[in-house]
Protein backbone atom coordinates (compact mmCIF):
# COMPACT_ATOMS: atom_id res chain seq x y z
CA MET A 1 104.75 85.12 133.88
CA THR A 2 101.17 84.39 134.96
CA GLU A 3 102.04 85.15 138.59
CA ILE A 4 103.58 88.57 137.89
CA ILE A 5 100.55 89.51 135.82
CA ARG A 6 98.29 88.44 138.68
CA LEU A 7 100.28 90.57 141.12
CA ILE A 8 100.14 93.58 138.80
CA THR A 9 96.38 93.29 138.37
CA GLU A 10 96.03 93.30 142.16
CA VAL A 11 98.14 96.48 142.36
CA LEU A 12 95.93 98.10 139.74
CA ARG A 13 92.77 96.97 141.48
CA SER A 14 93.77 98.14 144.97
CA ASN A 15 95.16 101.61 144.16
CA SER A 16 93.58 104.84 142.98
CA SER A 17 96.10 107.24 141.41
CA PHE A 18 98.46 106.36 138.57
CA LEU A 19 101.31 108.09 136.77
CA ILE A 20 102.16 106.66 133.34
CA THR A 21 105.24 107.42 131.25
CA THR A 22 107.40 106.05 128.45
CA HIS A 23 110.68 106.76 126.70
CA GLU A 24 111.86 109.96 125.05
CA GLY A 25 111.05 110.28 121.37
CA PRO A 26 108.02 108.01 121.76
CA ASP A 27 107.22 105.65 118.89
CA GLY A 28 103.98 103.86 118.04
CA ASP A 29 104.38 101.20 120.71
CA ALA A 30 105.35 103.71 123.38
CA VAL A 31 102.36 105.92 122.65
CA GLY A 32 99.94 103.11 121.93
CA SER A 33 100.78 101.03 124.99
CA SER A 34 100.79 103.94 127.44
CA LEU A 35 97.52 105.39 126.12
CA ALA A 36 95.94 101.91 126.10
CA LEU A 37 96.85 101.49 129.76
CA ALA A 38 95.55 104.99 130.55
CA SER A 39 92.26 104.25 128.77
CA PHE A 40 91.85 100.94 130.60
CA LEU A 41 92.57 102.49 134.01
CA ARG A 42 90.31 105.49 133.46
CA ASN A 43 87.48 103.22 132.37
CA ILE A 44 87.71 101.28 135.64
CA GLY A 45 87.51 104.51 137.60
CA LYS A 46 91.14 105.32 138.31
CA ASP A 47 92.80 108.75 138.48
CA VAL A 48 95.41 108.76 135.68
CA THR A 49 98.17 111.16 134.64
CA VAL A 50 100.19 110.49 131.47
CA HIS A 51 103.53 112.29 131.14
CA TYR A 52 106.04 112.19 128.27
CA GLN A 53 109.37 113.96 128.19
CA ASP A 54 108.77 114.64 124.48
CA SER A 55 105.45 115.48 122.92
CA VAL A 56 103.24 112.97 121.14
CA PRO A 57 104.37 112.74 117.50
CA ASP A 58 101.81 114.18 115.11
CA LEU A 59 101.50 110.76 113.48
CA TYR A 60 99.86 109.37 116.63
CA ALA A 61 97.80 112.41 117.60
CA PHE A 62 94.63 110.63 116.46
CA LEU A 63 94.87 108.10 119.29
CA PRO A 64 92.34 108.48 122.13
CA GLY A 65 93.95 110.27 125.07
CA ALA A 66 96.83 111.77 123.07
CA ASP A 67 95.57 115.24 123.94
CA THR A 68 95.79 114.48 127.67
CA VAL A 69 99.55 113.77 127.73
CA LEU A 70 101.33 116.29 129.96
CA PRO A 71 104.83 117.74 129.38
CA HIS A 72 105.30 118.16 133.14
CA ILE A 73 104.35 116.00 136.12
CA PRO A 74 101.87 117.63 138.53
CA ASP A 75 103.26 118.26 142.01
CA ARG A 76 101.36 115.58 143.87
CA ASP A 77 101.64 112.03 145.21
CA TYR A 78 100.83 108.94 143.17
CA ASP A 79 99.95 105.48 144.42
CA VAL A 80 101.50 103.76 141.40
CA SER A 81 103.76 104.71 138.51
CA VAL A 82 103.86 102.58 135.37
CA VAL A 83 106.81 102.87 133.00
CA LEU A 84 106.35 101.30 129.57
CA ASP A 85 108.61 100.25 126.69
CA ILE A 86 111.64 101.95 128.16
CA GLY A 87 114.63 99.59 128.24
CA GLU A 88 116.37 101.59 130.92
CA ARG A 89 114.89 103.99 133.47
CA LYS A 90 116.90 107.04 132.40
CA ARG A 91 115.12 107.02 129.04
CA ALA A 92 111.99 108.32 130.76
CA GLY A 93 113.75 111.68 131.02
CA ALA A 94 115.13 113.83 133.79
CA GLU A 95 111.80 115.05 135.14
CA PHE A 96 110.43 111.58 135.83
CA CYS A 97 113.76 110.22 137.06
CA ASN A 98 114.03 113.08 139.58
CA PHE A 99 110.40 112.83 140.67
CA THR A 100 110.22 111.10 144.06
CA ARG A 101 106.47 110.82 144.68
CA VAL A 102 105.98 107.89 142.32
CA GLY A 103 104.62 105.30 144.75
CA THR A 104 104.89 101.67 143.67
CA THR A 105 106.65 101.29 140.31
CA ILE A 106 105.57 98.85 137.59
CA ASN A 107 107.92 98.25 134.68
CA LEU A 108 106.38 96.87 131.47
CA ASP A 109 108.70 96.12 128.57
CA HIS A 110 109.73 93.69 125.85
CA HIS A 111 113.34 94.79 125.34
CA LEU A 112 115.92 92.04 125.78
CA SER A 113 118.16 94.29 127.86
CA CYS A 114 115.54 96.00 130.02
CA GLU A 115 116.58 96.92 133.55
CA ASN A 116 114.59 95.45 136.45
CA PHE A 117 114.10 98.84 138.07
CA GLY A 118 110.47 98.40 139.10
CA ASP A 119 108.89 97.01 142.23
CA PHE A 120 107.07 94.79 139.72
CA ASN A 121 108.74 93.94 136.42
CA LEU A 122 106.84 92.37 133.54
CA ILE A 123 109.50 91.95 130.85
CA ASP A 124 108.94 89.52 128.01
CA SER A 125 111.07 89.68 124.87
CA ASN A 126 108.66 87.23 123.22
CA ALA A 127 105.94 89.88 123.26
CA ALA A 128 105.74 91.58 119.88
CA ALA A 129 105.09 94.95 121.54
CA THR A 130 104.64 96.46 124.97
CA GLY A 131 101.04 97.02 123.91
CA ILE A 132 100.67 93.22 124.00
CA LEU A 133 101.67 93.25 127.68
CA VAL A 134 98.98 95.85 128.38
CA TYR A 135 96.51 93.56 126.61
CA ARG A 136 97.58 90.59 128.77
CA ILE A 137 97.12 92.62 131.98
CA ALA A 138 93.74 94.03 130.97
CA HIS A 139 92.56 90.58 129.86
CA ALA A 140 93.69 89.00 133.12
CA PHE A 141 91.91 91.79 134.99
CA GLY A 142 88.68 90.81 133.26
CA TYR A 143 88.42 94.12 131.43
CA ASP A 144 85.59 94.53 128.94
CA PHE A 145 87.54 96.03 126.03
CA ASP A 146 86.20 99.16 124.37
CA ARG A 147 87.09 100.59 120.96
CA GLU A 148 89.38 103.35 122.36
CA THR A 149 91.57 100.95 124.35
CA ALA A 150 91.53 98.46 121.47
CA LEU A 151 92.65 101.11 118.99
CA CYS A 152 95.69 101.99 121.11
CA ILE A 153 96.68 98.33 121.51
CA TYR A 154 96.21 97.72 117.78
CA VAL A 155 98.46 100.66 116.83
CA ALA A 156 101.12 99.58 119.32
CA THR A 157 101.09 96.10 117.79
CA ILE A 158 101.13 96.95 114.10
CA THR A 159 103.78 99.68 114.41
CA ASP A 160 106.22 97.56 116.41
CA THR A 161 105.79 94.62 114.03
CA GLY A 162 106.18 96.81 110.95
CA SER A 163 102.60 96.01 109.95
CA PHE A 164 103.39 92.35 110.62
CA ARG A 165 106.46 92.36 108.35
CA TYR A 166 109.06 91.91 111.13
CA SER A 167 110.16 88.63 112.66
CA ASN A 168 108.47 89.53 115.97
CA ALA A 169 105.07 89.25 114.26
CA ASN A 170 104.17 86.06 116.08
CA ARG A 171 100.86 84.29 116.48
CA GLU A 172 99.96 86.30 119.59
CA ALA A 173 100.43 89.56 117.70
CA PHE A 174 98.02 88.49 114.95
CA THR A 175 95.54 87.11 117.48
CA VAL A 176 95.50 90.27 119.60
CA ALA A 177 95.23 92.52 116.53
CA GLY A 178 92.33 90.43 115.23
CA GLU A 179 90.59 90.65 118.59
CA MET A 180 91.01 94.44 118.63
CA ILE A 181 89.28 94.61 115.25
CA GLU A 182 86.36 92.73 116.78
CA TYR A 183 86.11 95.56 119.32
CA GLY A 184 85.59 98.12 116.59
CA VAL A 185 89.02 99.03 115.22
CA ASN A 186 88.89 99.84 111.49
CA ALA A 187 92.12 98.46 109.97
CA TRP A 188 91.96 100.61 106.83
CA ASP A 189 91.25 103.78 108.79
CA VAL A 190 94.31 103.13 110.96
CA ALA A 191 96.48 102.29 107.93
CA GLU A 192 95.41 105.49 106.22
CA LYS A 193 96.26 107.61 109.25
CA LEU A 194 99.64 105.94 109.74
CA TYR A 195 100.84 105.44 106.17
CA GLU A 196 98.79 107.68 103.85
CA ASN A 197 98.85 110.87 105.84
CA GLN A 198 102.43 112.12 106.00
CA PRO A 199 103.24 115.84 105.94
CA GLN A 200 105.07 117.32 102.96
CA LYS A 201 108.01 118.19 105.22
CA ARG A 202 108.71 114.50 105.75
CA LEU A 203 109.26 113.87 102.06
CA GLU A 204 111.39 117.00 101.78
CA LEU A 205 113.53 115.75 104.66
CA LEU A 206 113.73 112.27 103.16
CA ALA A 207 114.92 113.81 99.88
CA LYS A 208 117.86 115.29 101.76
CA CYS A 209 118.63 112.09 103.67
CA LEU A 210 118.62 109.59 100.82
CA PRO A 211 121.65 111.10 99.01
CA THR A 212 123.69 110.34 102.16
CA LEU A 213 123.23 106.61 101.50
CA GLU A 214 126.38 104.58 102.11
CA VAL A 215 126.60 100.86 101.39
CA PHE A 216 129.55 98.93 102.80
CA LYS A 217 130.86 95.49 103.78
CA ASP A 218 130.20 94.03 100.32
CA GLY A 219 126.63 95.26 100.32
CA GLN A 220 125.67 93.69 103.63
CA ALA A 221 125.26 96.99 105.50
CA ALA A 222 123.99 100.44 104.60
CA SER A 223 123.26 103.75 106.29
CA VAL A 224 121.58 107.11 105.85
CA THR A 225 122.07 110.29 107.85
CA ALA A 226 119.96 113.24 108.98
CA THR A 227 121.76 116.33 110.26
CA THR A 228 120.52 119.33 112.18
CA ASP A 229 121.10 121.43 109.05
CA MET A 230 118.65 119.20 107.18
CA PHE A 231 116.05 119.61 109.91
CA SER A 232 116.47 123.38 109.81
CA ALA A 233 116.28 123.54 106.01
CA CYS A 234 112.98 121.65 106.01
CA ASP A 235 111.63 123.20 109.22
CA ALA A 236 111.10 119.60 110.35
CA GLY A 237 111.34 117.78 113.66
CA ALA A 238 113.12 114.54 114.43
CA GLU A 239 109.82 112.66 114.74
CA LEU A 240 109.44 112.88 110.96
CA THR A 241 112.42 110.56 110.49
CA ASP A 242 110.52 107.60 111.92
CA GLY A 243 110.98 104.79 109.41
CA PHE A 244 113.86 106.35 107.47
CA VAL A 245 116.13 103.47 108.52
CA ASN A 246 113.91 101.11 106.56
CA TYR A 247 115.08 102.57 103.25
CA PRO A 248 118.65 101.25 103.49
CA ARG A 249 117.31 98.03 105.03
CA SER A 250 115.14 97.49 101.94
CA ILE A 251 118.20 97.19 99.66
CA ARG A 252 118.73 93.69 98.32
CA GLY A 253 121.58 92.00 100.17
CA VAL A 254 121.64 94.40 103.11
CA GLU A 255 121.40 92.63 106.46
CA VAL A 256 122.07 95.63 108.75
CA ALA A 257 120.74 99.16 108.28
CA ILE A 258 121.91 102.18 110.25
CA PHE A 259 120.36 105.60 110.71
CA PHE A 260 122.50 108.43 112.04
CA ARG A 261 120.44 111.31 113.44
CA GLN A 262 122.32 114.35 114.68
CA LEU A 263 121.13 115.59 118.07
CA GLU A 264 123.60 118.46 118.44
CA ASP A 265 127.20 119.25 117.64
CA ASN A 266 129.26 116.09 118.15
CA LYS A 267 126.32 113.98 119.30
CA PHE A 268 124.34 111.46 117.25
CA LYS A 269 121.49 109.06 117.83
CA VAL A 270 122.29 105.79 116.05
CA GLY A 271 119.51 103.40 115.11
CA PHE A 272 120.14 99.84 113.95
CA ARG A 273 117.79 97.52 112.06
CA SER A 274 118.32 93.91 111.00
CA LYS A 275 116.53 91.65 108.55
CA GLY A 276 116.81 88.85 111.08
CA LYS A 277 120.17 87.15 110.64
CA VAL A 278 122.13 89.67 112.69
CA ASN A 279 121.49 90.64 116.32
CA VAL A 280 121.82 94.43 116.21
CA ALA A 281 121.19 94.68 119.97
CA ALA A 282 124.80 93.53 120.33
CA PHE A 283 126.03 96.52 118.31
CA SER A 284 123.94 98.89 120.38
CA ALA A 285 125.07 97.35 123.67
CA ALA A 286 128.71 97.73 122.64
CA LEU A 287 128.05 101.45 122.28
CA GLY A 288 126.13 101.84 125.54
CA GLY A 289 122.63 101.39 124.16
CA GLY A 290 120.02 98.65 124.06
CA GLY A 291 117.14 97.19 122.12
CA HIS A 292 115.94 94.07 120.37
CA HIS A 293 117.49 91.51 118.04
CA ASN A 294 116.13 93.33 114.98
CA ALA A 295 115.91 96.91 116.27
CA ALA A 296 118.22 98.76 118.63
CA GLY A 297 119.70 102.17 119.27
CA CYS A 298 122.27 104.19 121.16
CA THR A 299 123.77 107.67 121.42
CA VAL A 300 127.37 108.25 120.32
CA THR A 301 129.47 111.39 120.73
CA GLY A 302 131.94 112.73 118.18
CA THR A 303 131.89 114.25 114.74
CA LEU A 304 129.84 112.47 112.10
CA GLU A 305 133.01 111.04 110.60
CA GLU A 306 134.20 109.80 114.00
CA VAL A 307 130.82 108.30 114.88
CA LYS A 308 130.54 106.51 111.53
CA LYS A 309 134.06 105.15 111.84
CA GLN A 310 133.29 103.73 115.29
CA VAL A 311 129.92 102.26 114.30
CA TYR A 312 131.10 100.84 110.99
CA ALA A 313 134.05 99.14 112.69
CA ILE A 314 131.73 97.30 115.09
CA VAL A 315 129.36 96.26 112.32
CA GLU A 316 132.14 95.16 109.97
CA SER A 317 133.83 93.09 112.68
CA THR A 318 130.64 91.05 113.07
CA LEU A 319 129.55 90.79 109.45
């Protein structure tokens, strides 16, 4: 692991222009890690472009550099492209996947099932977040951390560990978060922005989702669902459902929680969460997706009834 980090730091040191991207529907780690890397590279004098297929969720708009993320890639050459937290290359979206002027590709990820699609692949499932990998690289580079970069790494870390509630909240995660606070991050200010600042539409949408609660397999599994009709009724976007899967997971006795989010007619995004005993990445992989032991996802086609029947069968066969 030390050698690949050394090689990546040399690539960063010896090149000038960088394209950074992450997966569709970016979460806190995706946004935090990519903006942390962008901040680090800009501060050492590099030319940086950050592109997301989907826009930055409003929840993370306070992060430094969020306003520089581009919906489209400029028509130019890049020395290096860095893809973060992505699992599989296609999740970066069609525009990036069809863009050929990417230069050397660096793949940074902590998903168990991540593809080795980069020229350099730093993949470590023991890292609590991809933001931790950015920290390791910047630290190895000898970077003098500033508050802006630290803030992005801190947010990546606390969101992907569920504010240190998940089993991936290891010693490194606490150590890095503590170090970022030393560089000027205000823990309460971040907590307020992330957890005490939700729009009214989110609660209205949640009120429609919670009545869809289904508990099965003798109380070991539970699900909630968000449909396109619910989104329309609340004039809400899919990004507002972040964390909804934690409601069924919080039920006593539930080991596996599932969130069904309708993308379009006969197409659903399925998110899995585990309390630790069950490897939900196996469920996701069986349905063509990927993820971690405790958090995974996939896309399944069919009516809601058909999708639930297929997903429930896989979960029940394991539980």
